[in-house]
Amino acid sequence: MKAPVYGILDLSTIDYPQKPAMVIFMAGCPFRCPMCHNWKMLEVNQENEVDLSRVFQRIENASLLIEAVKVSGGEPTLYPDVLTEIADFCKERNLSFGFDTNGFFPENVKKLVNRADLVSIDIKAPLDDPELYGRLAGIGNGEKIIESLSSTIKTVLESSAYADLRTTVIPTVNAEEEHFESIGDALKSLGYIPKAEKLEASYTLQQFEPANAFSDEFKRINSPSVELLLTLAKKVNVPRVYIRHKGVGFMKPLEEIQVQVEKHGTG
């Protein structure tokens, strides 16, 4: 079987919570998000077509260093058959398996979720603001995107996979307090809290990095401060909220960041 592999990172400590992981990047995505930093892999080119046996060999070669494999992109759920093969290969070798998704293909997520240990879902904006969501997806049609995303989130929250939900915070665009109050309300309505209370779900606010953004307009937007992320995180009002920012690290708990900022600032 061929797979549209843009590239492979043999070892990462910031893509799979608490586990060293290989990251496989799949080319191809239906969105054109202006803040995307992986925009070079939005289209599938002939040189991206790789035989899965080569991917499996890379996993084998890294197996002494990694505990998990994460498939990212692009949008990996475009290729459920490929992800199924990778997931089964990982299970045979006692490696955890996870994938990223923008949530636009809920039926494909349903096919994959029971094979996954982790599903990372991108929430770009409040689920009650289709205009903003369509803008941040770069294709309009916000109502359809939100409908699909809501179905994907519900599927993952009802599964045995860890639900890693996250929003990239973009000042002046999706960084109002009411945006995150709304996201928190949506998570509650979709069943987030019972799963979080079982330590099987979390929500992360992550830093927007303008330098590599797809859109020139977004390259001119400042990166958010830790203090802004902390303020917005409190508005979500659900358990197990994390912050990802170069000033504090990868997926640090809200409560821990709050203590750090109060005692020492962020440098």
Protein backbone atom coordinates (compact mmCIF):
# COMPACT_ATOMS: atom_id res chain seq x y z
CA MET A 1 0.00 0.00 0.00
CA LYS A 2 1.18 3.51 -0.84
CA ALA A 3 0.88 6.42 1.56
CA PRO A 4 1.24 10.19 0.91
CA VAL A 5 4.05 10.73 3.42
CA TYR A 6 5.52 14.23 3.42
CA GLY A 7 8.12 13.42 6.06
CA ILE A 8 8.96 11.52 9.23
CA LEU A 9 10.39 12.82 12.50
CA ASP A 10 12.07 9.84 14.13
CA LEU A 11 11.93 11.18 17.68
CA SER A 12 9.79 13.90 19.28
CA THR A 13 9.13 14.68 22.95
CA ILE A 14 6.43 17.31 22.30
CA ASP A 15 3.89 15.60 20.05
CA TYR A 16 2.62 12.74 22.20
CA PRO A 17 1.83 13.51 25.87
CA GLN A 18 4.34 11.92 28.23
CA LYS A 19 5.83 9.60 25.62
CA PRO A 20 8.74 9.85 23.16
CA ALA A 21 7.21 9.37 19.74
CA MET A 22 7.83 9.10 16.03
CA VAL A 23 5.75 11.59 14.04
CA ILE A 24 4.63 10.71 10.51
CA PHE A 25 3.40 13.68 8.46
CA MET A 26 0.78 12.95 5.80
CA ALA A 27 0.43 15.32 2.85
CA GLY A 28 -2.98 16.63 1.85
CA CYS A 29 -5.62 18.72 3.63
CA PRO A 30 -9.01 20.19 2.64
CA PHE A 31 -8.41 23.31 4.76
CA ARG A 32 -6.27 26.36 4.02
CA CYS A 33 -5.89 27.74 7.52
CA PRO A 34 -4.11 31.12 7.46
CA MET A 35 -2.20 30.29 10.65
CA CYS A 36 -1.04 26.86 9.45
CA HIS A 37 2.69 26.22 9.90
CA ASN A 38 2.59 22.95 7.94
CA TRP A 39 1.29 24.59 4.75
CA LYS A 40 4.02 23.03 2.59
CA MET A 41 2.27 19.68 2.97
CA LEU A 42 -1.25 20.81 2.05
CA GLU A 43 -1.01 19.33 -1.46
CA VAL A 44 -0.11 15.76 -2.38
CA ASN A 45 2.71 15.44 -4.90
CA GLN A 46 3.99 12.35 -6.64
CA GLU A 47 7.20 12.39 -4.61
CA ASN A 48 5.10 12.02 -1.43
CA GLU A 49 3.86 8.57 -2.44
CA VAL A 50 5.79 6.13 -0.26
CA ASP A 51 5.36 2.40 0.16
CA LEU A 52 4.14 1.61 3.67
CA SER A 53 6.86 -1.00 4.06
CA ARG A 54 9.38 1.86 4.19
CA VAL A 55 7.36 3.55 6.92
CA PHE A 56 7.20 0.32 8.88
CA GLN A 57 10.97 -0.07 8.59
CA ARG A 58 11.47 3.43 10.01
CA ILE A 59 9.23 2.50 12.96
CA GLU A 60 11.23 -0.69 13.51
CA ASN A 61 14.51 1.23 13.41
CA ALA A 62 13.26 3.70 16.02
CA SER A 63 11.47 1.19 18.23
CA LEU A 64 14.16 1.18 20.95
CA LEU A 65 13.84 4.96 21.37
CA ILE A 66 10.11 5.54 21.06
CA GLU A 67 6.99 4.47 22.93
CA ALA A 68 4.43 5.82 20.48
CA VAL A 69 3.71 6.76 16.87
CA LYS A 70 1.70 9.88 16.02
CA VAL A 71 0.34 10.55 12.53
CA SER A 72 -0.02 14.24 11.73
CA GLY A 73 -0.28 16.37 8.63
CA GLY A 74 -1.88 17.73 6.64
CA GLU A 75 -5.06 15.90 7.56
CA PRO A 76 -4.33 12.21 8.19
CA THR A 77 -7.97 11.13 8.42
CA LEU A 78 -8.16 11.57 4.65
CA TYR A 79 -6.48 8.14 4.61
CA PRO A 80 -8.29 5.79 7.04
CA ASP A 81 -6.94 2.64 5.39
CA VAL A 82 -3.35 3.86 5.74
CA LEU A 83 -3.88 4.80 9.39
CA THR A 84 -5.47 1.43 10.08
CA GLU A 85 -2.38 -0.34 8.74
CA ILE A 86 -0.05 1.84 10.82
CA ALA A 87 -2.17 1.40 13.95
CA ASP A 88 -2.17 -2.38 13.62
CA PHE A 89 1.58 -2.44 13.01
CA CYS A 90 2.11 -0.38 16.17
CA LYS A 91 -0.13 -2.61 18.27
CA GLU A 92 1.83 -5.67 17.22
CA ARG A 93 4.96 -3.97 18.60
CA ASN A 94 3.39 -2.66 21.80
CA LEU A 95 3.66 0.95 20.65
CA SER A 96 0.94 3.48 21.40
CA PHE A 97 -0.75 5.00 18.36
CA GLY A 98 -2.35 8.39 17.90
CA PHE A 99 -3.36 10.81 15.19
CA ASP A 100 -4.16 14.48 14.68
CA THR A 101 -7.35 15.68 13.04
CA ASN A 102 -9.23 18.85 12.19
CA GLY A 103 -12.44 16.89 12.72
CA PHE A 104 -13.80 17.38 9.21
CA PHE A 105 -14.22 13.65 8.48
CA PRO A 106 -16.19 12.22 11.41
CA GLU A 107 -17.04 8.96 9.61
CA ASN A 108 -13.36 8.24 9.07
CA VAL A 109 -12.62 9.04 12.72
CA LYS A 110 -15.30 6.51 13.72
CA LYS A 111 -13.44 3.87 11.71
CA LEU A 112 -10.15 4.70 13.42
CA VAL A 113 -10.91 5.67 16.99
CA ASN A 114 -11.05 2.17 18.44
CA ARG A 115 -7.56 1.50 17.13
CA ALA A 116 -6.14 4.68 18.65
CA ASP A 117 -4.76 5.39 22.10
CA LEU A 118 -4.77 9.15 21.47
CA VAL A 119 -6.74 11.46 19.19
CA SER A 120 -5.63 15.10 19.02
CA ILE A 121 -8.42 17.38 17.79
CA ASP A 122 -7.93 20.95 16.63
CA ILE A 123 -10.61 23.41 17.76
CA LYS A 124 -9.93 26.62 15.87
CA ALA A 125 -12.65 28.88 17.25
CA PRO A 126 -15.94 28.83 19.20
CA LEU A 127 -18.42 26.31 17.86
CA ASP A 128 -21.15 28.95 17.80
CA ASP A 129 -19.30 31.26 15.39
CA PRO A 130 -19.39 29.72 11.89
CA GLU A 131 -18.11 32.88 10.24
CA LEU A 132 -14.94 32.96 12.32
CA TYR A 133 -14.52 29.19 12.03
CA GLY A 134 -14.79 29.34 8.26
CA ARG A 135 -12.23 32.13 8.16
CA LEU A 136 -9.75 30.17 10.26
CA ALA A 137 -10.28 27.02 8.18
CA GLY A 138 -9.60 29.11 5.09
CA ILE A 139 -12.49 27.65 3.08
CA GLY A 140 -15.61 29.26 4.52
CA ASN A 141 -18.52 26.85 5.09
CA GLY A 142 -18.16 27.24 8.85
CA GLU A 143 -21.52 25.65 9.66
CA LYS A 144 -20.59 22.38 7.94
CA ILE A 145 -17.14 22.36 9.54
CA ILE A 146 -18.58 22.90 13.02
CA GLU A 147 -21.20 20.17 12.49
CA SER A 148 -18.50 17.71 11.44
CA LEU A 149 -16.13 18.74 14.23
CA SER A 150 -18.82 18.40 16.89
CA SER A 151 -19.55 14.87 15.69
CA THR A 152 -15.84 14.01 15.77
CA ILE A 153 -15.38 15.37 19.29
CA LYS A 154 -18.41 13.45 20.56
CA THR A 155 -17.15 10.23 18.98
CA VAL A 156 -13.73 10.55 20.59
CA LEU A 157 -15.14 11.54 23.99
CA GLU A 158 -17.32 8.41 23.91
CA SER A 159 -14.40 6.15 22.95
CA SER A 160 -11.57 4.59 24.95
CA ALA A 161 -8.97 6.83 23.25
CA TYR A 162 -7.46 9.78 25.09
CA ALA A 163 -9.06 12.99 23.80
CA ASP A 164 -6.36 15.65 23.36
CA LEU A 165 -8.33 18.78 22.45
CA ARG A 166 -6.49 22.01 21.70
CA THR A 167 -6.83 25.54 20.36
CA THR A 168 -4.09 27.70 18.88
CA VAL A 169 -4.54 31.16 20.39
CA ILE A 170 -4.20 33.98 17.84
CA PRO A 171 -4.29 37.51 19.29
CA THR A 172 -6.90 39.81 17.67
CA VAL A 173 -8.55 36.83 15.95
CA ASN A 174 -9.76 34.11 18.36
CA ALA A 175 -8.39 35.40 21.65
CA GLU A 176 -11.39 37.06 23.29
CA GLU A 177 -12.50 35.82 26.70
CA GLU A 178 -15.98 35.07 25.39
CA HIS A 179 -14.45 32.82 22.71
CA PHE A 180 -13.06 30.52 25.39
CA GLU A 181 -16.16 30.68 27.58
CA SER A 182 -18.06 29.44 24.51
CA ILE A 183 -15.54 26.67 23.80
CA GLY A 184 -15.84 25.52 27.41
CA ASP A 185 -19.63 25.43 27.14
CA ALA A 186 -19.39 23.38 23.93
CA LEU A 187 -17.00 20.89 25.53
CA LYS A 188 -19.38 20.43 28.46
CA SER A 189 -22.33 19.82 26.14
CA LEU A 190 -20.39 17.23 24.13
CA GLY A 191 -19.46 15.15 27.19
CA TYR A 192 -15.97 16.38 28.01
CA ILE A 193 -16.21 16.57 31.80
CA PRO A 194 -16.93 12.87 32.60
CA LYS A 195 -14.03 11.80 30.39
CA ALA A 196 -11.70 14.42 31.86
CA GLU A 197 -12.61 13.30 35.35
CA LYS A 198 -11.44 9.81 34.35
CA LEU A 199 -8.13 11.44 33.26
CA GLU A 200 -8.87 10.50 29.65
CA ALA A 201 -9.29 14.00 28.19
CA SER A 202 -7.63 17.39 28.34
CA TYR A 203 -7.89 20.77 26.67
CA THR A 204 -4.78 22.78 25.73
CA LEU A 205 -4.36 26.41 24.73
CA GLN A 206 -1.26 26.60 22.56
CA GLN A 207 0.90 29.44 21.38
CA PHE A 208 0.48 30.79 17.86
CA GLU A 209 3.82 31.13 16.05
CA PRO A 210 3.48 33.80 13.32
CA ALA A 211 6.84 33.31 11.61
CA ASN A 212 5.80 30.24 9.63
CA ALA A 213 2.14 31.09 9.05
CA PHE A 214 0.57 30.32 5.68
CA SER A 215 -0.95 33.80 5.37
CA ASP A 216 1.14 36.96 5.13
CA GLU A 217 -1.55 38.72 7.14
CA PHE A 218 -1.13 36.27 9.99
CA LYS A 219 2.65 36.57 9.90
CA ARG A 220 2.15 40.14 11.12
CA ILE A 221 0.16 39.08 14.22
CA ASN A 222 2.06 38.93 17.49
CA SER A 223 2.50 35.66 19.33
CA PRO A 224 0.39 35.47 22.52
CA SER A 225 1.96 35.87 25.94
CA VAL A 226 1.78 33.28 28.70
CA GLU A 227 -0.33 35.76 30.65
CA LEU A 228 -2.91 35.93 27.86
CA LEU A 229 -3.11 32.14 27.62
CA LEU A 230 -3.50 31.95 31.38
CA THR A 231 -6.35 34.49 31.37
CA LEU A 232 -8.17 32.68 28.57
CA ALA A 233 -7.59 29.24 30.09
CA LYS A 234 -9.43 30.28 33.24
CA LYS A 235 -12.47 31.21 31.14
CA VAL A 236 -12.83 27.71 29.73
CA ASN A 237 -14.00 26.52 33.15
CA VAL A 238 -13.50 22.79 32.67
CA PRO A 239 -11.08 20.38 34.36
CA ARG A 240 -7.66 19.42 32.99
CA VAL A 241 -6.77 22.58 31.11
CA TYR A 242 -3.17 22.90 29.89
CA ILE A 243 -0.97 25.55 28.31
CA ARG A 244 1.65 25.01 25.63
CA HIS A 245 4.04 27.95 25.28
CA LYS A 246 7.78 28.26 24.80
CA GLY A 247 7.89 30.33 27.99
CA VAL A 248 6.64 27.48 30.16
CA GLY A 249 6.92 24.24 28.16
CA PHE A 250 4.73 21.55 26.63
CA MET A 251 1.26 20.92 28.07
CA LYS A 252 1.76 22.41 31.52
CA PRO A 253 -1.32 22.37 33.81
CA LEU A 254 -3.14 25.66 34.23
CA GLU A 255 -2.75 25.56 38.01
CA GLU A 256 1.01 25.01 37.77
CA ILE A 257 1.44 27.91 35.34
CA GLN A 258 -0.61 30.19 37.54
CA VAL A 259 1.65 29.51 40.54
CA GLN A 260 4.77 29.98 38.41
CA VAL A 261 3.61 33.32 37.03
CA GLU A 262 2.60 34.57 40.47
CA LYS A 263 5.96 33.63 41.99
CA HIS A 264 8.47 34.27 39.25
CA GLY A 265 6.78 35.71 36.17
CA THR A 266 7.63 34.17 32.79
CA GLY A 267 11.01 35.75 32.13
